[in-house]
Amino acid sequence: MKNNILSTVLAFFITLFMFSQSSESDFNSGDIFIIGSVKFNNYKHINFPKDNFIIKKGGLANYKNIKGEKVIITSIKQDNKGKRVAIIKLVNSRKFFNSHRYITVDIEEAIENRELLPFDN
């Protein structure tokens, strides 16, 4: 009797932990977000290129033009570490900094840290 109760409680906690770690977010290709503003243009989860690469491709490294822009998710993949990485582009079909058409984003961390904000129609 004691072993049955113990094994039932153990099975309950194992299933509880399994379901709590498999939380899937409902991000799909085609979802629209807005780029939020961060202090000192320090985007940690949106992988903007370094300033020298922007300038080398003929662009302007001006983060003021990026803040508040609408972006759309073109694809979502999972990297080797298990993080979900999304590829985004601007909704208005322009390029980021007039040099890069696509940017990669750690989507869950970017939303959690308010680098990407959900867009409500």
Foldseek 3Di string as FASTA:
>chain_A
DVVVVVVVVVVVVVVVVVVVVPDDDPDDFFFKWFFADDPPNDDDFWDDDDQVVLVVQPFHPDCVVRHGFMKTWHDWDADPVGFIKTKIATPVQAAVRNGHGIIIGSPVVCVVVVRIGGDDD
